[in-house]
Amino acid sequence: MKPLNLPAPISAYFTADQEGPAAVARCFATDAVVTDESRRHVGRDAIQQWKAAATTAFRYTTQPVAVEGFDGQHVVTGRVSGDFPGSPIDLRYHFRLAAGLIASLEITR
C-alpha cells in the first residue's frame, strides 16, 4: 500500500496514539475539541482523559488507509483493529488544524 501524505500534526496524532494519552493530548491546541461517540471533550486535560478511558477499555491499533481534504478539514479513514466487538472497523477522523496543532477532531463511522 502506498504511504499516505498526511499533514505533520495528523501523522503525529496517529503515532502518539500508540504512545499513550499524554502524547495524544500534546498533538492538540490548548482549547481543542474532540467529539467521539457523541461526547465533546474540550481542552488538553479532557482530551487526555478521553484517550486514557478509550485505551483502558480496549487494546487497538489504527492504520490510516485514506485521506481527503475539503472545506478546511482533512478526513482520514482509519482501519481500527483490536479486542473489541466488530473488529476491525473503519472510522473517519475529521481533523481541523491551526498553528501546527489539531484544533478539532470528530470521529465518525
Protein backbone atom coordinates (compact mmCIF):
# COMPACT_ATOMS: atom_id res chain seq x y z
CA MET A 1 0.00 0.00 0.00
CA LYS A 2 1.28 3.46 -0.92
CA PRO A 3 2.06 5.61 2.16
CA LEU A 4 -0.42 8.42 2.77
CA ASN A 5 0.71 12.02 2.63
CA LEU A 6 -0.67 13.15 6.00
CA PRO A 7 -0.08 16.66 7.37
CA ALA A 8 2.50 16.55 10.19
CA PRO A 9 0.03 17.15 13.09
CA ILE A 10 -2.19 14.31 11.86
CA SER A 11 0.73 11.94 11.38
CA ALA A 12 1.89 12.85 14.89
CA TYR A 13 -1.59 12.05 16.26
CA PHE A 14 -1.59 8.51 14.85
CA THR A 15 1.96 7.92 16.14
CA ALA A 16 1.07 9.33 19.58
CA ASP A 17 -2.00 7.08 19.72
CA GLN A 18 0.39 4.15 20.22
CA GLU A 19 2.47 6.02 22.82
CA GLY A 20 -0.23 6.97 25.29
CA PRO A 21 -2.84 9.55 26.33
CA ALA A 22 -0.36 12.30 27.29
CA ALA A 23 1.37 12.05 23.90
CA VAL A 24 -2.01 12.28 22.15
CA ALA A 25 -3.03 15.36 24.17
CA ARG A 26 0.18 17.16 23.15
CA CYS A 27 -0.94 16.97 19.49
CA PHE A 28 -3.84 19.32 20.23
CA ALA A 29 -4.18 23.07 20.74
CA THR A 30 -4.86 24.03 24.37
CA ASP A 31 -8.53 24.79 23.60
CA ALA A 32 -9.07 21.96 21.10
CA VAL A 33 -12.28 19.95 20.92
CA VAL A 34 -12.65 16.21 20.34
CA THR A 35 -16.06 14.74 19.55
CA ASP A 36 -16.28 10.96 19.83
CA GLU A 37 -19.35 8.78 20.39
CA SER A 38 -21.48 11.96 20.64
CA ARG A 39 -19.39 13.29 23.56
CA ARG A 40 -17.37 16.52 23.46
CA HIS A 41 -14.01 16.79 25.20
CA VAL A 42 -12.64 20.34 25.41
CA GLY A 43 -9.02 21.17 26.23
CA ARG A 44 -5.90 19.05 26.57
CA ASP A 45 -6.74 17.68 30.03
CA ALA A 46 -10.16 16.46 28.88
CA ILE A 47 -8.64 15.04 25.69
CA GLN A 48 -6.03 13.17 27.71
CA GLN A 49 -8.77 11.73 29.97
CA TRP A 50 -10.84 10.73 26.91
CA LYS A 51 -7.89 8.90 25.37
CA ALA A 52 -6.98 7.24 28.69
CA ALA A 53 -10.54 5.89 29.02
CA ALA A 54 -10.52 4.62 25.43
CA THR A 55 -7.22 2.80 25.85
CA THR A 56 -8.31 1.29 29.16
CA ALA A 57 -11.49 -0.16 27.64
CA PHE A 58 -9.83 -1.84 24.65
CA ARG A 59 -6.46 -2.53 23.05
CA TYR A 60 -6.39 -1.44 19.43
CA THR A 61 -4.30 -0.12 16.57
CA THR A 62 -5.33 2.31 13.86
CA GLN A 63 -3.95 2.21 10.34
CA PRO A 64 -4.76 5.27 8.21
CA VAL A 65 -5.86 3.95 4.81
CA ALA A 66 -7.17 7.06 3.01
CA VAL A 67 -7.12 10.84 3.33
CA GLU A 68 -9.08 13.58 1.61
CA GLY A 69 -9.22 17.29 2.21
CA PHE A 70 -12.16 19.62 1.78
CA ASP A 71 -13.84 22.60 3.43
CA GLY A 72 -10.75 23.35 5.54
CA GLN A 73 -10.52 19.90 7.04
CA HIS A 74 -8.69 16.65 6.48
CA VAL A 75 -10.73 13.46 6.67
CA VAL A 76 -8.70 10.34 7.35
CA THR A 77 -10.23 6.89 7.08
CA GLY A 78 -8.59 4.65 9.66
CA ARG A 79 -8.90 0.87 9.94
CA VAL A 80 -9.19 0.15 13.67
CA SER A 81 -8.35 -3.38 14.79
CA GLY A 82 -8.34 -4.69 18.33
CA ASP A 83 -10.02 -6.69 21.06
CA PHE A 84 -13.45 -5.03 20.74
CA PRO A 85 -16.68 -6.39 19.25
CA GLY A 86 -16.91 -5.96 15.48
CA SER A 87 -13.16 -5.52 14.93
CA PRO A 88 -11.90 -4.38 12.51
CA ILE A 89 -13.92 -1.28 11.65
CA ASP A 90 -13.25 1.77 9.51
CA LEU A 91 -13.66 5.12 11.26
CA ARG A 92 -13.47 8.61 9.78
CA TYR A 93 -11.33 11.16 11.59
CA HIS A 94 -12.33 14.74 10.72
CA PHE A 95 -9.36 16.98 11.60
CA ARG A 96 -9.15 20.78 11.58
CA LEU A 97 -5.66 22.18 12.05
CA ALA A 98 -4.42 25.53 13.36
CA ALA A 99 -0.89 26.79 14.06
CA GLY A 100 0.67 23.36 13.57
CA LEU A 101 -1.65 21.59 16.03
CA ILE A 102 -5.03 19.88 15.91
CA ALA A 103 -7.81 22.40 16.64
CA SER A 104 -10.62 19.87 16.44
CA LEU A 105 -11.23 16.20 15.79
CA GLU A 106 -14.54 14.46 15.21
CA ILE A 107 -14.57 10.66 14.92
CA THR A 108 -17.45 9.08 13.00
CA ARG A 109 -18.32 5.75 11.43
